[in-house]
Amino acid sequence: MITKMNKLMKMKRHIIALLVSGMAFGTASAQLAPLGAMYYHNQYLNNPAFAGMGPGLEVDLGYRQQWSTLPGSPKVQVLTGSYAMTPKAGLGLSVYNDQTGLFKHTRVMGSYAYHLPVNSKGDKLSFGISLGFMDELVDQGMMDGDPNDPSTRNFNERRQYVDGDFGIAYTSGKLSLQAAMPNLRNGLGFSKDGEEVVNEARYFAAASYRIRLSESEGVGLEPKVAFRGVRGFDNILDVGANFTFADDKIGLMAMYHSTKSTSFGVNAKLSKAFSLLGLYTSNTSALASQTNGSFELNLKINLFK
């Protein structure tokens, strides 16, 4: 009887340890190294002000995992849709899911953006807000133990909670300035646990300038500087550029992050409707001994232009 009780107590400790390590490692990975597509390929990922920025419907499918697949290694899937209802109004939908070991984190957000023309050249001042819910649970199908364990059941029975994001952007043919405040529930103090949360994105700001190197050959360069705040960590600086050529059909992207990691990507316009991004991000110095970087794929589909 005593032996059985000891085994049960050990199993509960293992479950709790897995939950804590999964939440800490998975969230830290996501916030210290967010999806690289957010810099150029799909800026709506990080700022609701970009919802409906372009004409028609834009759908983006993204997937990221570690370069070397290990059991329980982090995996991220994301689906976004952005639709321009009118030249001034846009709608967006984002479904984000990541899993580390037994731990799953799902976030579903709907967005509305208003694009205010500021001159006759097409420059816009855009405001966007997202509202939705977040859910966290343990994948009982992957458990090597009692799926009815009270520790796991209580964790999975927690309620989903409402969250939101806010963003603003100024865009012209060349200059782009933006700022976003994600996770409003904790950022504005609506959650009693907000001060205890770590590894959570607090704010994002970026500036870029597009330089046309050759009009006839479609060659351009867009340097970008971004600044990210993550609760519980030092602020993060991102510096890089996107070089496009072949009539803007091919893009080469590189970003350096102050977390001592780098991102390299290749973007190709396969047709008028489809474009594909492949991107590799080396590991941050904080996690260098645990993983060897991640690979990301993003497929963008443009419809009804």
Protein backbone atom coordinates (compact mmCIF):
# COMPACT_ATOMS: atom_id res chain seq x y z
CA MET A 1 0.00 0.00 0.00
CA ILE A 2 2.81 2.40 0.95
CA THR A 3 4.70 1.54 -2.23
CA LYS A 4 1.62 2.28 -4.33
CA MET A 5 1.11 5.63 -2.60
CA ASN A 6 4.75 6.55 -3.19
CA LYS A 7 4.39 5.74 -6.90
CA LEU A 8 1.29 7.93 -7.14
CA MET A 9 3.04 10.82 -5.42
CA LYS A 10 6.04 10.49 -7.74
CA MET A 11 3.77 10.45 -10.79
CA LYS A 12 2.01 13.63 -9.63
CA ARG A 13 5.35 15.34 -9.09
CA HIS A 14 6.43 14.33 -12.61
CA ILE A 15 3.20 15.70 -14.08
CA ILE A 16 3.56 19.02 -12.29
CA ALA A 17 7.22 19.26 -13.31
CA LEU A 18 6.32 18.59 -16.93
CA LEU A 19 3.62 21.26 -16.86
CA VAL A 20 5.91 23.86 -15.36
CA SER A 21 8.83 23.10 -17.67
CA GLY A 22 6.55 22.92 -20.69
CA MET A 23 4.94 26.27 -19.95
CA ALA A 24 8.23 27.98 -19.16
CA PHE A 25 10.25 26.57 -22.07
CA GLY A 26 7.48 26.77 -24.66
CA THR A 27 6.45 30.31 -23.79
CA ALA A 28 10.03 31.52 -23.51
CA SER A 29 10.80 30.08 -26.93
CA ALA A 30 7.73 31.73 -28.47
CA GLN A 31 8.35 35.17 -26.95
CA LEU A 32 12.15 35.27 -27.22
CA ALA A 33 12.00 33.96 -30.80
CA PRO A 34 8.53 34.71 -32.26
CA LEU A 35 7.56 33.62 -35.75
CA GLY A 36 9.95 35.25 -38.21
CA ALA A 37 7.14 35.85 -40.72
CA MET A 38 5.98 38.80 -38.61
CA TYR A 39 8.85 41.03 -39.77
CA TYR A 40 8.00 41.19 -43.50
CA HIS A 41 5.92 38.26 -44.77
CA ASN A 42 2.85 38.62 -42.51
CA GLN A 43 2.94 41.69 -40.26
CA TYR A 44 -0.64 41.07 -39.11
CA LEU A 45 0.79 38.24 -36.96
CA ASN A 46 2.05 40.79 -34.46
CA ASN A 47 -0.07 43.88 -35.09
CA PRO A 48 -3.86 43.97 -35.67
CA ALA A 49 -3.49 47.35 -37.42
CA PHE A 50 -2.36 45.40 -40.52
CA ALA A 51 -5.70 43.58 -40.87
CA GLY A 52 -7.07 44.33 -44.33
CA MET A 53 -4.09 46.53 -45.18
CA GLY A 54 -3.87 45.08 -48.70
CA PRO A 55 -6.70 44.48 -51.18
CA GLY A 56 -8.81 41.32 -51.17
CA LEU A 57 -8.39 38.32 -48.89
CA GLU A 58 -5.00 37.23 -47.58
CA VAL A 59 -4.64 33.81 -45.93
CA ASP A 60 -1.40 32.66 -44.30
CA LEU A 61 -0.51 29.19 -43.03
CA GLY A 62 2.57 28.84 -40.83
CA TYR A 63 4.43 26.00 -39.15
CA ARG A 64 7.58 25.95 -37.02
CA GLN A 65 9.52 23.23 -35.26
CA GLN A 66 13.05 22.54 -34.08
CA TRP A 67 15.60 21.70 -36.76
CA SER A 68 16.30 18.38 -35.01
CA THR A 69 13.03 16.78 -33.98
CA LEU A 70 13.10 15.50 -30.41
CA PRO A 71 10.24 13.97 -28.41
CA GLY A 72 8.24 16.80 -26.87
CA SER A 73 10.07 19.55 -28.78
CA PRO A 74 8.10 22.77 -29.40
CA LYS A 75 5.86 22.93 -32.47
CA VAL A 76 3.85 25.95 -33.62
CA GLN A 77 0.97 26.10 -36.10
CA VAL A 78 -0.69 29.36 -37.09
CA LEU A 79 -3.51 30.34 -39.43
CA THR A 80 -4.32 33.96 -40.19
CA GLY A 81 -6.86 35.57 -42.48
CA SER A 82 -7.03 39.26 -43.37
CA TYR A 83 -9.77 40.82 -45.49
CA ALA A 84 -10.22 44.38 -46.77
CA MET A 85 -13.95 45.11 -46.51
CA THR A 86 -13.44 48.64 -47.82
CA PRO A 87 -10.35 50.78 -48.48
CA LYS A 88 -10.70 52.04 -44.89
CA ALA A 89 -11.83 48.95 -42.96
CA GLY A 90 -10.32 45.50 -42.53
CA LEU A 91 -11.13 42.30 -40.67
CA GLY A 92 -8.71 39.67 -39.41
CA LEU A 93 -8.69 36.24 -37.79
CA SER A 94 -5.74 34.55 -36.10
CA VAL A 95 -5.56 30.99 -34.76
CA TYR A 96 -2.30 30.22 -32.97
CA ASN A 97 -1.43 26.86 -31.45
CA ASP A 98 1.82 25.71 -29.94
CA GLN A 99 2.69 22.51 -28.11
CA THR A 100 5.70 21.66 -25.97
CA GLY A 101 5.65 18.14 -24.60
CA LEU A 102 2.25 17.53 -23.01
CA PHE A 103 1.40 21.22 -22.80
CA LYS A 104 -0.83 22.89 -25.42
CA HIS A 105 -1.47 26.61 -25.78
CA THR A 106 -4.18 27.88 -28.15
CA ARG A 107 -5.09 31.50 -28.89
CA VAL A 108 -7.93 32.58 -31.21
CA MET A 109 -8.36 36.28 -32.00
CA GLY A 110 -10.64 38.30 -34.26
CA SER A 111 -9.48 41.75 -35.40
CA TYR A 112 -10.85 45.00 -36.76
CA ALA A 113 -8.67 47.70 -38.30
CA TYR A 114 -9.42 51.20 -39.54
CA HIS A 115 -7.12 52.71 -42.17
CA LEU A 116 -7.25 56.50 -42.27
CA PRO A 117 -5.83 58.15 -45.41
CA VAL A 118 -3.54 61.04 -44.50
CA ASN A 119 -2.75 62.40 -47.98
CA SER A 120 -3.36 61.85 -51.69
CA LYS A 121 -0.22 59.69 -52.06
CA GLY A 122 -1.77 56.69 -50.34
CA ASP A 123 -0.15 57.09 -46.92
CA LYS A 124 -2.28 55.63 -44.12
CA LEU A 125 -2.58 55.83 -40.36
CA SER A 126 -4.06 52.54 -39.19
CA PHE A 127 -5.53 51.46 -35.87
CA GLY A 128 -6.36 47.86 -35.02
CA ILE A 129 -7.77 45.91 -32.11
CA SER A 130 -8.12 42.18 -31.53
CA LEU A 131 -10.39 40.32 -29.14
CA GLY A 132 -10.57 36.60 -28.48
CA PHE A 133 -9.69 33.85 -26.03
CA MET A 134 -6.76 31.76 -24.88
CA ASP A 135 -6.81 28.17 -23.66
CA GLU A 136 -4.11 26.03 -22.03
CA LEU A 137 -4.34 22.31 -21.39
CA VAL A 138 -2.44 19.04 -21.03
CA ASP A 139 -2.69 16.55 -23.91
CA GLN A 140 -3.89 13.49 -22.00
CA GLY A 141 -3.50 11.32 -25.09
CA MET A 142 0.28 11.68 -24.79
CA MET A 143 0.43 10.86 -21.09
CA ASP A 144 2.24 7.75 -19.95
CA GLY A 145 0.19 7.40 -16.80
CA ASP A 146 -3.30 7.81 -15.38
CA PRO A 147 -5.20 10.28 -17.63
CA ASN A 148 -7.72 10.77 -14.80
CA ASP A 149 -5.11 12.06 -12.37
CA PRO A 150 -6.65 14.97 -10.38
CA SER A 151 -3.66 17.25 -11.06
CA THR A 152 -4.14 16.96 -14.81
CA ARG A 153 -7.93 17.08 -14.65
CA ASN A 154 -7.96 20.24 -12.54
CA PHE A 155 -5.51 21.93 -14.91
CA ASN A 156 -7.60 21.08 -17.98
CA GLU A 157 -10.85 22.18 -16.35
CA ARG A 158 -9.68 25.76 -15.94
CA ARG A 159 -11.78 28.25 -17.86
CA GLN A 160 -10.65 29.87 -21.08
CA TYR A 161 -10.06 33.57 -20.66
CA VAL A 162 -10.65 36.61 -22.83
CA ASP A 163 -7.65 38.53 -24.13
CA GLY A 164 -6.95 41.29 -26.63
CA ASP A 165 -4.28 43.17 -28.60
CA PHE A 166 -3.98 46.75 -29.83
CA GLY A 167 -1.85 48.14 -32.65
CA ILE A 168 -1.15 51.29 -34.63
CA ALA A 169 0.78 51.76 -37.86
CA TYR A 170 1.79 54.51 -40.27
CA THR A 171 2.53 53.23 -43.76
CA SER A 172 3.56 54.87 -47.00
CA GLY A 173 5.18 53.60 -50.17
CA LYS A 174 8.54 53.67 -48.41
CA LEU A 175 8.29 54.38 -44.68
CA SER A 176 6.59 52.11 -42.15
CA LEU A 177 6.23 52.87 -38.43
CA GLN A 178 4.30 50.65 -36.06
CA ALA A 179 3.66 49.85 -32.41
CA ALA A 180 1.60 47.11 -30.78
CA MET A 181 0.56 46.09 -27.31
CA PRO A 182 -0.36 42.39 -27.12
CA ASN A 183 -1.84 40.50 -24.17
CA LEU A 184 -3.97 43.40 -22.94
CA ARG A 185 -5.52 41.31 -20.18
CA ASN A 186 -2.26 41.24 -18.25
CA GLY A 187 -0.76 44.39 -19.73
CA LEU A 188 -3.60 46.61 -18.49
CA GLY A 189 -3.90 44.86 -15.14
CA PHE A 190 -7.22 43.09 -15.75
CA SER A 191 -5.73 39.83 -14.48
CA LYS A 192 -4.86 39.36 -10.82
CA ASP A 193 -1.97 37.14 -11.94
CA GLY A 194 -0.56 39.71 -14.37
CA GLU A 195 2.39 40.73 -12.20
CA GLU A 196 3.36 37.08 -11.68
CA VAL A 197 3.38 36.21 -15.39
CA VAL A 198 6.79 36.01 -17.08
CA ASN A 199 7.90 35.29 -20.67
CA GLU A 200 4.93 37.26 -22.03
CA ALA A 201 5.15 39.85 -24.81
CA ARG A 202 4.41 43.34 -23.46
CA TYR A 203 4.95 45.67 -26.42
CA PHE A 204 6.44 45.84 -29.91
CA ALA A 205 7.67 48.78 -31.99
CA ALA A 206 9.31 48.82 -35.40
CA ALA A 207 10.47 51.14 -38.17
CA SER A 208 11.47 50.28 -41.72
CA TYR A 209 12.25 52.14 -44.93
CA ARG A 210 11.98 50.64 -48.40
CA ILE A 211 14.71 51.68 -50.86
CA ARG A 212 14.20 51.06 -54.58
CA LEU A 213 17.63 50.15 -55.98
CA SER A 214 16.46 49.49 -59.54
CA GLU A 215 13.03 50.25 -60.94
CA SER A 216 13.60 48.42 -64.22
CA GLU A 217 14.80 45.18 -62.60
CA GLY A 218 12.59 45.26 -59.50
CA VAL A 219 15.43 45.34 -56.98
CA GLY A 220 14.83 46.76 -53.51
CA LEU A 221 16.11 46.82 -49.95
CA GLU A 222 14.09 47.37 -46.76
CA PRO A 223 16.13 47.80 -43.56
CA LYS A 224 14.19 47.35 -40.33
CA VAL A 225 14.70 48.00 -36.64
CA ALA A 226 12.34 46.49 -34.07
CA PHE A 227 12.11 46.71 -30.30
CA ARG A 228 10.33 44.10 -28.18
CA GLY A 229 9.47 44.02 -24.52
CA VAL A 230 9.04 40.63 -22.81
CA ARG A 231 7.95 40.44 -19.18
CA GLY A 232 10.71 39.01 -17.00
CA PHE A 233 13.46 39.48 -19.62
CA ASP A 234 15.64 42.31 -20.89
CA ASN A 235 14.19 44.27 -23.81
CA ILE A 236 15.05 42.77 -27.20
CA LEU A 237 16.40 44.66 -30.22
CA ASP A 238 16.01 43.25 -33.74
CA VAL A 239 18.01 44.68 -36.66
CA GLY A 240 17.92 43.40 -40.22
CA ALA A 241 16.84 43.87 -43.81
CA ASN A 242 14.90 42.27 -46.65
CA PHE A 243 16.54 42.30 -50.10
CA THR A 244 14.22 41.71 -53.07
CA PHE A 245 15.06 41.15 -56.73
CA ALA A 246 13.74 39.55 -59.95
CA ASP A 247 10.83 42.00 -60.08
CA ASP A 248 10.32 41.55 -56.33
CA LYS A 249 9.58 37.86 -56.83
CA ILE A 250 12.49 36.68 -54.67
CA GLY A 251 13.37 38.01 -51.23
CA LEU A 252 16.31 37.33 -48.93
CA MET A 253 15.81 38.28 -45.29
CA ALA A 254 18.26 38.44 -42.38
CA MET A 255 17.66 39.64 -38.81
CA TYR A 256 19.97 39.83 -35.82
CA HIS A 257 18.37 39.66 -32.37
CA SER A 258 19.97 40.99 -29.18
CA THR A 259 19.23 37.60 -27.62
CA LYS A 260 22.32 36.56 -29.65
CA SER A 261 20.32 34.67 -32.26
CA THR A 262 19.90 35.26 -35.99
CA SER A 263 17.18 34.60 -38.54
CA PHE A 264 17.69 33.91 -42.25
CA GLY A 265 14.84 33.50 -44.72
CA VAL A 266 14.01 33.13 -48.40
CA ASN A 267 10.70 34.30 -49.80
CA ALA A 268 9.45 33.41 -53.29
CA LYS A 269 6.34 34.55 -55.16
CA LEU A 270 5.24 31.33 -56.82
CA SER A 271 2.41 33.07 -58.69
CA LYS A 272 0.10 36.06 -58.33
CA ALA A 273 -1.81 34.22 -55.62
CA PHE A 274 0.85 32.18 -53.80
CA SER A 275 4.08 33.05 -52.02
CA LEU A 276 6.25 30.86 -49.79
CA LEU A 277 8.66 31.74 -46.99
CA GLY A 278 11.28 29.40 -45.54
CA LEU A 279 13.15 30.68 -42.49
CA TYR A 280 15.74 29.39 -40.03
CA THR A 281 16.31 30.96 -36.61
CA SER A 282 19.31 30.00 -34.51
CA ASN A 283 18.80 29.46 -30.83
CA THR A 284 18.97 32.24 -28.26
CA SER A 285 21.94 32.29 -25.92
CA ALA A 286 19.60 31.47 -23.00
CA LEU A 287 18.55 28.18 -24.64
CA ALA A 288 21.71 27.37 -26.62
CA SER A 289 22.43 24.22 -24.62
CA GLN A 290 18.90 22.83 -25.08
CA THR A 291 18.10 23.09 -28.81
CA ASN A 292 19.80 23.84 -32.12
CA GLY A 293 17.41 26.37 -33.65
CA SER A 294 14.13 26.12 -35.51
CA PHE A 295 12.84 26.00 -39.08
CA GLU A 296 9.71 27.83 -40.21
CA LEU A 297 7.51 27.56 -43.30
CA ASN A 298 4.79 30.04 -44.28
CA LEU A 299 2.44 29.88 -47.25
CA LYS A 300 0.56 33.05 -48.21
CA ILE A 301 -2.52 32.96 -50.45
CA ASN A 302 -3.95 36.17 -51.96
CA LEU A 303 -7.51 36.03 -53.29
CA PHE A 304 -10.10 38.43 -54.73
CA LYS A 305 -7.61 41.18 -55.55
